Amino acid sequence: MPVSLILAFLWALMAGLTVAAPRRLLYPAAWVLIASGIPLLGLITIQAGPVWGLIGLGIGAVLIGRPGFGQGET
């Protein structure tokens, strides 16, 4: 398994944990996730191919766009 996919799993785990953070920390956490996710997405595409890159883009968009999805938030 490429290292980039392991890093992507850790990124997704951090994105999921930001939901539990206090509200005042959500925006800084989102900026950190975005700033680290863009180079990670490029690394995934280089190491695992464009299909995995598109899958990573989709997962990242869902996690950043709807961080509380499935947790009872509307």
Protein backbone atom coordinates (compact mmCIF):
# COMPACT_ATOMS: atom_id res chain seq x y z
CA MET A 1 0.00 0.00 0.00
CA PRO A 2 1.45 3.38 -0.95
CA VAL A 3 2.43 5.73 1.85
CA SER A 4 0.16 8.38 0.38
CA LEU A 5 -2.93 6.25 1.01
CA ILE A 6 -1.92 5.74 4.64
CA LEU A 7 -1.45 9.50 5.00
CA ALA A 8 -4.85 10.04 3.37
CA PHE A 9 -6.45 7.72 5.93
CA LEU A 10 -4.83 9.72 8.75
CA TRP A 11 -6.01 12.96 7.12
CA ALA A 12 -9.58 11.62 6.95
CA LEU A 13 -9.35 10.56 10.59
CA MET A 14 -8.23 14.07 11.59
CA ALA A 15 -11.06 15.56 9.52
CA GLY A 16 -13.53 13.35 11.33
CA LEU A 17 -12.15 14.32 14.72
CA THR A 18 -12.48 18.04 14.04
CA VAL A 19 -16.25 17.65 14.40
CA ALA A 20 -15.71 17.07 18.12
CA ALA A 21 -13.58 20.22 18.46
CA PRO A 22 -15.05 23.38 19.98
CA ARG A 23 -16.77 25.65 17.48
CA ARG A 24 -14.10 28.36 17.71
CA LEU A 25 -11.46 25.89 16.46
CA LEU A 26 -13.38 24.63 13.43
CA TYR A 27 -12.23 27.29 10.96
CA PRO A 28 -8.50 27.07 11.81
CA ALA A 29 -8.76 23.27 11.68
CA ALA A 30 -10.47 23.45 8.29
CA TRP A 31 -7.70 25.69 6.91
CA VAL A 32 -5.05 23.27 8.17
CA LEU A 33 -6.89 20.35 6.60
CA ILE A 34 -7.22 22.17 3.28
CA ALA A 35 -3.57 23.28 3.29
CA SER A 36 -2.37 19.74 4.01
CA GLY A 37 -4.93 18.01 1.80
CA ILE A 38 -4.00 19.68 -1.48
CA PRO A 39 -0.38 18.42 -1.57
CA LEU A 40 -1.55 15.07 -0.23
CA LEU A 41 -4.01 14.80 -3.12
CA GLY A 42 -1.17 15.41 -5.57
CA LEU A 43 0.95 12.76 -3.86
CA ILE A 44 -1.91 10.25 -4.03
CA THR A 45 -2.33 10.94 -7.74
CA ILE A 46 1.38 10.51 -8.41
CA GLN A 47 1.85 7.34 -6.34
CA ALA A 48 -1.46 5.51 -6.79
CA GLY A 49 -2.79 6.90 -10.08
CA PRO A 50 -5.52 9.23 -11.25
CA VAL A 51 -8.40 6.97 -10.20
CA TRP A 52 -7.27 7.02 -6.57
CA GLY A 53 -6.67 10.74 -6.91
CA LEU A 54 -10.27 11.28 -7.95
CA ILE A 55 -11.49 9.05 -5.13
CA GLY A 56 -9.41 11.08 -2.69
CA LEU A 57 -10.80 14.31 -4.12
CA GLY A 58 -14.36 13.07 -3.64
CA ILE A 59 -13.76 11.92 -0.07
CA GLY A 60 -12.00 15.15 0.79
CA ALA A 61 -14.82 17.24 -0.66
CA VAL A 62 -17.39 15.36 1.39
CA LEU A 63 -15.40 15.62 4.62
CA ILE A 64 -14.58 19.32 4.22
CA GLY A 65 -17.97 20.32 2.83
CA ARG A 66 -20.11 18.45 5.36
CA PRO A 67 -17.97 17.72 8.44
CA GLY A 68 -20.96 16.85 10.64
CA PHE A 69 -22.71 14.70 8.07
CA GLY A 70 -24.27 11.66 9.71
CA GLN A 71 -23.92 13.02 13.24
CA GLY A 72 -27.43 14.35 13.70
CA GLU A 73 -26.70 17.85 12.39
CA THR A 74 -28.95 19.45 9.83
